[in-house]
């Protein structure tokens, strides 16, 4: 177990709780900040009603996700028969948005060695420079080729099951563009589906996150500048036609005969990739 102090920023789904629990197991957690979302307002609802196409996309995604996540499959994957919960609920602070001023105030008070992020909205501003050794994110795709949302889906859609995985990276002001720390690729077999592969990548990514803390404590330099811009996938890119096309390809045997072992690649640090920390006074995510 690392003696580094870690401040965890995450969401509230079972996968987020699992990663937070593993980080608590692997280091001295000093806070868990959970992003709850800002909810609905009259203004948001009015803007949505004035944009029928956007309203239709949101309604379709809501119905799709109710179907995909029915039966608590994610909770069973990460927690088995146990209810999904945090092992350190005493450390929890809830905020509507992760760029809330209270998060920076908390980081300034606790002065953690590392800020570890998974499953929050985009981090901007002062929090980007907090964390003595840096602020890191676990992203659900292999950057830079797969940045943004639904990256497991898009790797399969593009016929690249070997590109399914997660990225540990330092956070900068872009979306999944910070210096690469590790690529985590899960086992892939012909019986898998999108969610199983995504959850498996997250589970393996949580173990790599714990190893990252040990490596940082040993003084390893980690983080290489991303070699290309790659591609940013947005939530709106995944529509009904794309869903149907991938479903057809999966039925036709997209993963037939595929047998890939788990893979983990670390990226040694370079001076250009690691941010300067001395004297920083100024909070990205999957």
Protein backbone atom coordinates (compact mmCIF):
# COMPACT_ATOMS: atom_id res chain seq x y z
CA UNK A 1 0.00 0.00 0.00
CA UNK A 2 1.31 3.42 -0.98
CA UNK A 3 1.74 6.07 1.70
CA UNK A 4 0.78 8.83 -0.76
CA UNK A 5 -2.32 10.84 0.02
CA UNK A 6 -4.96 10.76 -2.70
CA UNK A 7 -8.07 12.84 -3.31
CA UNK A 8 -10.59 10.92 -5.44
CA UNK A 9 -13.04 12.61 -7.81
CA UNK A 10 -15.67 10.27 -9.25
CA UNK A 11 -19.27 9.55 -10.21
CA UNK A 12 -21.77 7.36 -8.37
CA UNK A 13 -22.26 4.29 -10.59
CA UNK A 14 -21.02 0.88 -9.42
CA UNK A 15 -17.93 1.12 -11.63
CA UNK A 16 -17.03 4.46 -10.05
CA UNK A 17 -17.46 3.05 -6.56
CA UNK A 18 -15.24 0.08 -7.43
CA UNK A 19 -12.40 2.28 -8.68
CA UNK A 20 -12.69 4.56 -5.64
CA UNK A 21 -12.58 1.55 -3.32
CA UNK A 22 -9.45 0.17 -4.97
CA UNK A 23 -7.76 3.58 -4.65
CA UNK A 24 -8.71 3.63 -0.97
CA UNK A 25 -7.14 0.18 -0.63
CA UNK A 26 -3.97 1.28 -2.38
CA UNK A 27 -3.14 4.61 -0.74
CA UNK A 28 -4.11 7.04 2.02
CA UNK A 29 -7.39 8.44 0.73
CA UNK A 30 -8.17 11.85 2.22
CA UNK A 31 -11.39 12.69 0.34
CA UNK A 32 -13.89 11.24 -2.12
CA UNK A 33 -15.71 13.91 -4.09
CA UNK A 34 -18.76 12.59 -5.92
CA UNK A 35 -20.39 14.54 -8.74
CA UNK A 36 -24.18 14.29 -8.46
CA UNK A 37 -25.23 16.36 -11.48
CA UNK A 38 -27.08 19.64 -11.41
CA UNK A 39 -30.51 18.16 -12.17
CA UNK A 40 -33.29 19.80 -14.13
CA UNK A 41 -34.23 23.46 -14.13
CA UNK A 42 -36.99 25.36 -15.87
CA UNK A 43 -34.41 26.90 -18.20
CA UNK A 44 -32.91 23.55 -19.18
CA UNK A 45 -36.32 22.03 -19.81
CA UNK A 46 -37.42 25.00 -21.89
CA UNK A 47 -34.29 24.83 -24.08
CA UNK A 48 -34.80 21.11 -24.57
CA UNK A 49 -38.44 21.52 -25.59
CA UNK A 50 -37.39 24.14 -28.14
CA UNK A 51 -34.96 21.64 -29.75
CA UNK A 52 -37.04 18.59 -30.83
CA UNK A 53 -34.07 16.79 -32.39
CA UNK A 54 -32.03 17.03 -29.18
CA UNK A 55 -35.06 16.02 -27.11
CA UNK A 56 -35.55 12.95 -29.31
CA UNK A 57 -31.87 11.93 -28.95
CA UNK A 58 -32.01 12.28 -25.18
CA UNK A 59 -35.24 10.29 -24.91
CA UNK A 60 -33.84 7.53 -27.10
CA UNK A 61 -30.60 7.33 -25.09
CA UNK A 62 -32.57 7.19 -21.85
CA UNK A 63 -34.67 4.27 -23.11
CA UNK A 64 -31.58 2.53 -24.53
CA UNK A 65 -29.69 2.77 -21.25
CA UNK A 66 -32.68 1.55 -19.22
CA UNK A 67 -32.65 -1.56 -21.41
CA UNK A 68 -28.87 -2.05 -21.44
CA UNK A 69 -28.40 -1.69 -17.68
CA UNK A 70 -31.48 -3.58 -16.52
CA UNK A 71 -31.03 -6.24 -13.87
CA UNK A 72 -28.18 -4.41 -12.09
CA UNK A 73 -25.65 -6.11 -14.36
CA UNK A 74 -22.95 -3.53 -13.66
CA UNK A 75 -23.37 -3.87 -9.91
CA UNK A 76 -23.12 -7.66 -10.18
CA UNK A 77 -19.99 -7.42 -12.32
CA UNK A 78 -18.11 -5.27 -9.80
CA UNK A 79 -19.69 -6.30 -6.49
CA UNK A 80 -21.14 -9.77 -7.04
CA UNK A 81 -23.98 -10.42 -4.59
CA UNK A 82 -22.98 -7.51 -2.34
CA UNK A 83 -24.70 -4.13 -2.65
CA UNK A 84 -22.46 -1.56 -4.36
CA UNK A 85 -21.10 0.86 -1.80
CA UNK A 86 -18.03 2.84 -0.85
CA UNK A 87 -15.75 1.39 1.81
CA UNK A 88 -15.02 4.93 3.10
CA UNK A 89 -18.34 6.80 3.09
CA UNK A 90 -16.92 9.00 5.84
CA UNK A 91 -14.70 10.70 3.25
CA UNK A 92 -17.52 11.68 0.87
CA UNK A 93 -18.30 15.21 -0.25
CA UNK A 94 -21.03 15.67 -2.87
CA UNK A 95 -21.07 18.48 -5.41
CA UNK A 96 -23.44 19.12 -8.35
CA UNK A 97 -20.55 19.74 -10.74
CA UNK A 98 -16.92 18.79 -10.32
CA UNK A 99 -15.69 22.31 -11.10
CA UNK A 100 -17.56 23.60 -8.03
CA UNK A 101 -15.49 26.05 -5.98
CA UNK A 102 -15.77 23.80 -2.92
CA UNK A 103 -13.62 21.17 -4.64
CA UNK A 104 -10.72 23.59 -5.06
CA UNK A 105 -11.16 24.74 -1.46
CA UNK A 106 -11.00 21.13 -0.29
CA UNK A 107 -7.87 20.45 -2.38
CA UNK A 108 -6.22 23.57 -0.97
CA UNK A 109 -6.97 22.44 2.57
CA UNK A 110 -5.95 18.77 2.17
CA UNK A 111 -2.98 19.29 -0.18
CA UNK A 112 -3.08 15.71 -1.55
CA UNK A 113 -0.09 14.15 -3.25
CA UNK A 114 -2.31 12.92 -6.08
CA UNK A 115 -5.77 13.78 -7.39
CA UNK A 116 -7.31 10.70 -9.04
CA UNK A 117 -10.29 11.19 -11.36
CA UNK A 118 -12.76 8.74 -12.88
CA UNK A 119 -16.22 9.40 -14.27
CA UNK A 120 -16.74 13.14 -13.79
CA UNK A 121 -17.47 15.96 -16.19
CA UNK A 122 -14.70 18.09 -17.62
CA UNK A 123 -12.31 19.66 -15.12
CA UNK A 124 -11.29 23.24 -15.74
CA UNK A 125 -9.46 26.05 -14.04
CA UNK A 126 -7.65 26.02 -10.74
CA UNK A 127 -8.06 22.31 -9.96
CA UNK A 128 -5.88 21.42 -12.96
CA UNK A 129 -2.78 22.45 -11.01
CA UNK A 130 -3.58 20.81 -7.71
CA UNK A 131 -2.00 17.59 -6.47
CA UNK A 132 1.67 17.65 -5.53
CA UNK A 133 2.50 14.87 -8.01
CA UNK A 134 -0.28 15.67 -10.44
CA UNK A 135 -3.90 15.12 -11.36
CA UNK A 136 -4.69 11.93 -13.29
CA UNK A 137 -7.71 10.46 -15.06
CA UNK A 138 -8.89 6.98 -16.00
CA UNK A 139 -10.49 7.35 -19.42
CA UNK A 140 -12.60 4.57 -20.95
CA UNK A 141 -10.78 4.44 -24.29
CA UNK A 142 -7.28 4.22 -25.72
CA UNK A 143 -6.19 7.81 -26.33
CA UNK A 144 -5.42 9.45 -28.65
CA UNK A 145 -7.28 7.34 -31.23
CA UNK A 146 -10.31 6.95 -28.99
CA UNK A 147 -11.04 10.06 -26.95
CA UNK A 148 -14.38 11.21 -25.57
CA UNK A 149 -17.51 9.10 -25.09
CA UNK A 150 -18.50 5.48 -25.79
CA UNK A 151 -15.01 4.48 -26.87
CA UNK A 152 -15.54 0.72 -26.40
CA UNK A 153 -18.54 0.98 -28.71
CA UNK A 154 -16.55 2.86 -31.34
CA UNK A 155 -13.57 0.49 -31.23
CA UNK A 156 -15.96 -2.39 -31.94
CA UNK A 157 -17.88 -0.37 -34.53
CA UNK A 158 -14.62 0.31 -36.36
CA UNK A 159 -13.75 -3.40 -36.31
CA UNK A 160 -10.84 -2.90 -33.89
CA UNK A 161 -11.45 -5.09 -30.81
CA UNK A 162 -7.73 -4.86 -30.04
CA UNK A 163 -8.24 -1.11 -29.46
CA UNK A 164 -10.69 -1.63 -26.59
CA UNK A 165 -9.27 -0.42 -23.29
CA UNK A 166 -8.69 2.40 -20.85
CA UNK A 167 -6.05 5.12 -20.61
CA UNK A 168 -4.43 6.51 -17.50
CA UNK A 169 -3.27 10.01 -18.34
CA UNK A 170 -2.31 13.28 -16.77
CA UNK A 171 -5.07 15.85 -17.07
CA UNK A 172 -4.67 19.01 -19.09
CA UNK A 173 -7.23 21.51 -20.38
CA UNK A 174 -8.31 19.29 -23.30
CA UNK A 175 -10.60 16.25 -23.45
CA UNK A 176 -8.50 13.12 -22.80
CA UNK A 177 -5.46 14.83 -24.35
CA UNK A 178 -3.05 14.84 -21.39
CA UNK A 179 0.25 12.99 -21.29
CA UNK A 180 -0.13 9.21 -21.53
CA UNK A 181 0.72 7.25 -18.39
CA UNK A 182 -0.60 3.76 -19.24
CA UNK A 183 -2.73 1.91 -21.77
CA UNK A 184 -4.84 -0.83 -20.18
CA UNK A 185 -6.26 -3.40 -22.61
CA UNK A 186 -8.55 -6.13 -21.22
CA UNK A 187 -8.94 -9.72 -22.29
CA UNK A 188 -11.17 -9.97 -25.38
CA UNK A 189 -12.95 -13.21 -26.35
CA UNK A 190 -15.55 -14.08 -28.95
CA UNK A 191 -18.31 -14.35 -26.35
CA UNK A 192 -17.94 -10.77 -25.12
CA UNK A 193 -20.21 -7.79 -25.66
CA UNK A 194 -19.64 -4.05 -25.39
CA UNK A 195 -20.52 -3.64 -21.73
CA UNK A 196 -18.55 -6.69 -20.58
CA UNK A 197 -15.47 -5.39 -22.37
CA UNK A 198 -15.92 -1.89 -20.97
CA UNK A 199 -16.37 -3.13 -17.40
CA UNK A 200 -13.42 -5.49 -17.74
CA UNK A 201 -11.24 -2.59 -18.96
CA UNK A 202 -12.36 -0.47 -15.99
CA UNK A 203 -11.64 -3.30 -13.55
CA UNK A 204 -8.14 -3.73 -15.00
CA UNK A 205 -7.73 0.04 -15.08
CA UNK A 206 -8.44 0.24 -11.35
CA UNK A 207 -5.54 -2.16 -10.69
CA UNK A 208 -3.27 -0.06 -12.90
CA UNK A 209 -4.37 3.05 -10.97
CA UNK A 210 -3.21 1.43 -7.73
CA UNK A 211 0.09 0.47 -9.37
CA UNK A 212 0.47 4.06 -10.59
CA UNK A 213 0.42 5.28 -6.98
CA UNK A 214 3.18 2.82 -6.07
CA UNK A 215 5.26 3.92 -9.06
CA UNK A 216 4.84 7.59 -8.19
CA UNK A 217 5.89 6.93 -4.62
CA UNK A 218 9.05 5.22 -5.91
CA UNK A 219 9.83 8.39 -7.83
CA UNK A 220 9.18 7.08 -11.34
CA UNK A 221 8.72 9.67 -14.04
CA UNK A 222 5.55 8.88 -16.00
CA UNK A 223 3.80 10.61 -18.87
CA UNK A 224 4.49 10.91 -22.60
CA UNK A 225 2.97 13.53 -24.84
CA UNK A 226 0.26 12.03 -27.04
CA UNK A 227 1.75 11.46 -30.51
CA UNK A 228 -1.27 12.63 -32.51
CA UNK A 229 -4.59 14.40 -32.19
CA UNK A 230 -6.56 11.18 -32.74
CA UNK A 231 -10.33 11.38 -32.76
CA UNK A 232 -12.86 12.75 -30.29
CA UNK A 233 -16.17 10.85 -30.14
CA UNK A 234 -19.16 12.69 -28.73
CA UNK A 235 -22.32 11.29 -27.14
CA UNK A 236 -24.40 12.59 -30.05
CA UNK A 237 -22.32 10.59 -32.57
CA UNK A 238 -23.81 7.31 -31.33
CA UNK A 239 -27.26 7.13 -32.84
CA UNK A 240 -29.85 4.50 -33.65
CA UNK A 241 -28.27 3.68 -37.03
CA UNK A 242 -24.83 3.16 -35.50
CA UNK A 243 -26.33 0.96 -32.77
CA UNK A 244 -28.11 -1.19 -35.33
CA UNK A 245 -25.02 -1.48 -37.52
CA UNK A 246 -22.82 -2.70 -34.67
CA UNK A 247 -25.50 -5.11 -33.45
CA UNK A 248 -25.56 -6.63 -36.94
CA UNK A 249 -21.79 -6.94 -37.07
CA UNK A 250 -21.73 -8.62 -33.67
CA UNK A 251 -24.37 -11.13 -34.81
CA UNK A 252 -22.35 -11.79 -37.95
CA UNK A 253 -19.33 -12.73 -35.84
CA UNK A 254 -17.24 -9.60 -35.37
CA UNK A 255 -15.49 -11.28 -32.43
CA UNK A 256 -15.50 -14.81 -33.86
CA UNK A 257 -12.15 -16.42 -33.20
CA UNK A 258 -10.84 -13.38 -31.28
CA UNK A 259 -8.73 -14.25 -28.24
CA UNK A 260 -6.65 -11.40 -26.88
CA UNK A 261 -4.92 -11.52 -23.48
CA UNK A 262 -4.91 -8.60 -21.03
CA UNK A 263 -2.20 -6.07 -21.90
CA UNK A 264 -0.68 -3.18 -19.94
CA UNK A 265 1.74 -0.61 -21.34
CA UNK A 266 3.39 2.08 -19.22
CA UNK A 267 4.75 5.32 -20.69
CA UNK A 268 7.96 6.61 -19.12
CA UNK A 269 8.00 10.32 -18.43
CA UNK A 270 9.57 13.08 -20.46
CA UNK A 271 10.34 16.58 -19.28
CA UNK A 272 8.02 18.05 -21.91
CA UNK A 273 5.07 15.92 -20.78
CA UNK A 274 5.22 16.45 -17.03
CA UNK A 275 3.78 19.72 -15.70
CA UNK A 276 5.83 21.93 -13.44
CA UNK A 277 4.45 21.78 -9.90
CA UNK A 278 6.69 24.08 -7.89
CA UNK A 279 4.80 27.10 -6.66
CA UNK A 280 1.51 26.11 -8.35
CA UNK A 281 -1.41 27.90 -6.73
CA UNK A 282 -4.24 27.03 -8.93
CA UNK A 283 -9.21 21.87 -11.02
CA UNK A 284 -10.71 16.32 -16.51
CA UNK A 285 -12.36 13.27 -16.60
CA UNK A 286 -13.75 10.32 -18.41
